[in-house]
Amino acid sequence: MRLLSLRLNGQYKSLKDQTFNFDSAQGNIIAFIGLNGSGKSQLLELIAETFSYLERYLRRDFKCRNWFPALALELCYSNQAYDSETQESTYSISIEQKGVVTLYRDGALIDIDARENSAVEDEILPSQIIGYSSGLNENLQRAFMKNAVQYLDVMNVKRAWEQRLASINEVKSKEGKHLTEASIELHDRQVRKAYHYYQTRYPALFPALPEGSSLSDNADIGLRPTALPRLKYFDQDTTALMLASMGMMPDLQQKAIWQEKQRFNKIHSVTLRYDLRKFTHDAGALLDIARLIECLHGVQPHNFQPLPGVSKTSEEFFNQFELDYLAGEITIDFSAHDVQDILESSFFTPQILFEKLYRLQLLGTDFWQGETKRQLRQDDFKGTAKRPQNWKSPIHVRSLKLTDGQQCIEFDDLSDGEAQLIQILSMASIYKDNRALFLLDEPETHLNPSWRTYFHAFIESIIGVDNQKAQLFISTHSPFMVSSLKRNNVYQFHRNDNGLIDMRMAQNETYGASFDVLIKGLFELRSLISQSVIDEIRQQLQQGDDHAKDWIEKNLGLSAEKAYLIRKLSK
């Protein structure tokens, strides 16, 4: 995935009628720099909104309603074919003001209606769009929340069908042995009528049935599976599930990902709490939890505890899903022998395990406020959408412990910098082999200066220098990051006199430039010492040069500014 350019015709917030061109960038990482409020995050938002809309447009089971008014976009990027390691094409996509999408591959028009949309979607779009913000950038996660709500709507339609079918079957079941040929025929007509109702309204989920086919009450009627949204936003809850999944990696691989500088560099154990009492309609969720409990039972027979007050499921329910309890806690001790192998045999990769857990978490979107979900169903909504804190997720991490080989520590007890480095490197690792686009808003904020100097190297060691599949857009205030990148990969943002945002490539070479040069040249600082100190120096100078020189020598620490002032005042 390589985003080459984005042309904006119209206005999105403070971005207006401009082209953002990245076709001369080299490697995987592109940095957005500038003062606070200069527009870095707004461009990340617009990129996220664009791909969010494209996913809704191309997926038949999602819905588009109203693209941003008076706003048109032209997008150009290169992408490897999803089923090829080498084949790469360039795609040009335009979104008209009315939201109509036109696609070109290598200059040739793609007829969306002539093919299955899933095929177009897999070919055209990145397989993953990953969002992360070190702060409370609720505007960035808005685009991700829109598609989470779309996913919930699809699952609710399926739930309504399952409930309708169950109601019809219940009537049949009550008749039991007294069923007549006429009542069986009546039941089949009711099932067919109900299915036709849903098939007419939701053809993406309910395929048309062959003429004359019968609907058995034991068949799942061929409902099409629902894929996870491609856009995934990594907040604290989602990141915890991802790290829990990373524990199934071999120990040496975990240590390699989290770097030698990180003391606690291996997942020791995790406790997951799930509650599916409101989600018994989702057979996939029930089966995934049952599978996780069962695969661990042989090596950790005491790894499960039901939540207090939760009764066992019925015999009929257990025979169908092999799940004893609808709510409980699962503890995975990764230090135990064979646990990693057992998980690998059942879930294959950390990404697969994470996405099964993430799928359960998405069901919790049902608990978001109704007004929030209503707003997020509008494509043109660009306000602030707050995901509730301490929300009732069907699954969350109760405890996540890391180890250095001798001691253990709760993940929540790590410093902010340690936690942030683990989160970012894990995200990069779990999706590095996907056609992925990362939108990261200040991902190194909490790192100490030493780690910041290595941050670019840390990322590249995980992604791979020659990786053509992944691209990372990183907004940053760090001269350490900028000094690691060529000027072709550094884009400076500032607001013009009209309050609109301008973006331009860094004018001078940034690779290897000293931090003082970068800070003065790119962040508009005239001095490298604190402004409050500068103000104090000015006050001392008002009392005479000799007084000021004496005060400077006694009170200021070493700096180029101090040396310069003393030389000047000594003349």
Foldseek 3Di string as FASTA:
>chain_A
DFWAKKAKDQDDPQAHGDMDGQNLFAFFEFEEEEDPPLCQVVVLLVVLLVLLLVVQVLQLLHHADAAAARMKMWTKDKAAQQVDPPRIWIKIWIQDRRGDIWIDTNRHTDDSVVDRSVNVCRGPDFQAEEEEELDPPLLNCLSVVLVLLSLLVSVVLLLVLVVQLVVLVVVVVVCPPVDDPVNVVVSQVSNVVSLVVSCVVRVSFQPDDPPPDTDDSPDPNPGDDDDDDRYDYDDPFLLQLLVQLVQLDPQVVQDLLLDPVQQFRHWFKWKKKFACPVPPSDLLLLQLVLLVLVLCCVQPVPQKDFDPPWAFDDPVSCVSRVGGTRIIMGMDGSVGPCSSVSCCVRQVHSLSSSVSVVVQQSNLSVQFDPVLSVLSNHSNRSDRRDDDPPGDRRMGIPFIWTDSVPDIDTLVPDFSQSNLSSSVSSVCQSCLPTLYEYEYEASRVRHDPVVLLCVVVSSCVRNPRPRPRHHYYYYHPDLSVQQCGFQSSYKYWRADPVRHIDIDGQPDTRHNDDSVCCCCRRHVDPDPDDPVVVVVLVVQVVVDLVSSLVCLVPPDDDDPVSVVSNVVSVD
